[in-house]
Amino acid sequence: MDIKKHLMITGNSTVSWKDAIVKAIAEASKSIDYLSEVKIIEQRAIIDGGKISEYFVDLDLSFVIDLNRKNG
């Protein structure tokens, strides 16, 4: 049986929403083991001079709890 935990994070990029998602997952994977799923909750952007200047994504990341992990 897998037990999953969820973590809400926000990613950002000056390139695109996809880039913001990829960067956020890459950064989270540096400190969280067993990432398994991502759900995009919301996308938004800042507009400057009639153009998008920064993209933001709110993500729900899931990761599997390692039930066999030894503490300490």
Protein backbone atom coordinates (compact mmCIF):
# COMPACT_ATOMS: atom_id res chain seq x y z
CA MET A 1 0.00 0.00 0.00
CA ASP A 2 1.33 3.44 -0.95
CA ILE A 3 0.72 6.40 1.29
CA LYS A 4 1.10 9.73 -0.45
CA LYS A 5 1.66 13.15 0.99
CA HIS A 6 0.80 16.41 -0.78
CA LEU A 7 2.75 19.62 -0.85
CA MET A 8 1.57 22.90 -2.35
CA ILE A 9 4.28 24.97 -4.05
CA THR A 10 4.43 27.97 -6.39
CA GLY A 11 6.81 28.13 -9.33
CA ASN A 12 7.68 31.12 -11.48
CA SER A 13 9.39 31.87 -14.78
CA THR A 14 9.93 34.75 -17.17
CA VAL A 15 9.64 32.33 -20.13
CA SER A 16 6.36 30.34 -19.84
CA TRP A 17 3.99 28.46 -17.55
CA LYS A 18 5.56 25.18 -18.69
CA ASP A 19 9.01 26.48 -17.75
CA ALA A 20 7.68 27.50 -14.33
CA ILE A 21 6.30 23.97 -13.80
CA VAL A 22 9.52 22.26 -14.92
CA LYS A 23 11.71 24.51 -12.75
CA ALA A 24 9.48 24.05 -9.68
CA ILE A 25 9.53 20.26 -9.99
CA ALA A 26 13.29 20.21 -10.55
CA GLU A 27 13.89 22.36 -7.49
CA ALA A 28 11.50 20.35 -5.29
CA SER A 29 13.12 17.07 -6.36
CA LYS A 30 16.43 18.27 -4.88
CA SER A 31 15.05 17.93 -1.36
CA ILE A 32 11.99 15.65 -1.66
CA ASP A 33 12.36 11.96 -2.47
CA TYR A 34 9.79 9.84 -4.31
CA LEU A 35 7.92 12.60 -6.17
CA SER A 36 5.15 10.81 -8.04
CA GLU A 37 2.51 13.23 -9.36
CA VAL A 38 1.84 16.89 -10.05
CA LYS A 39 -1.50 18.67 -10.33
CA ILE A 40 -1.66 22.19 -11.69
CA ILE A 41 -3.97 24.15 -9.40
CA GLU A 42 -3.73 27.64 -10.88
CA GLN A 43 -1.84 29.64 -13.48
CA ARG A 44 -1.45 33.41 -13.40
CA ALA A 45 0.87 36.06 -14.78
CA ILE A 46 2.04 39.62 -14.36
CA ILE A 47 1.44 41.91 -17.32
CA ASP A 48 3.85 44.77 -17.94
CA GLY A 49 3.56 47.06 -20.96
CA GLY A 50 0.87 44.90 -22.56
CA LYS A 51 3.03 41.74 -22.38
CA ILE A 52 3.44 38.94 -19.85
CA SER A 53 6.57 39.60 -17.83
CA GLU A 54 6.35 36.72 -15.32
CA TYR A 55 4.43 33.45 -15.16
CA PHE A 56 3.30 31.76 -11.92
CA VAL A 57 1.91 28.27 -11.28
CA ASP A 58 0.51 26.81 -8.08
CA LEU A 59 1.21 23.08 -7.96
CA ASP A 60 0.07 20.19 -5.79
CA LEU A 61 3.02 17.81 -5.67
CA SER A 62 2.50 14.25 -4.43
CA PHE A 63 5.21 12.04 -3.05
CA VAL A 64 5.18 8.52 -1.65
CA ILE A 65 5.97 8.03 2.03
CA ASP A 66 8.77 5.50 2.51
CA LEU A 67 7.31 3.23 5.19
CA ASN A 68 10.61 1.32 5.48
CA ARG A 69 12.78 4.37 6.11
CA LYS A 70 14.85 4.26 9.27
CA ASN A 71 14.84 7.39 11.42
CA GLY A 72 18.10 8.74 12.71
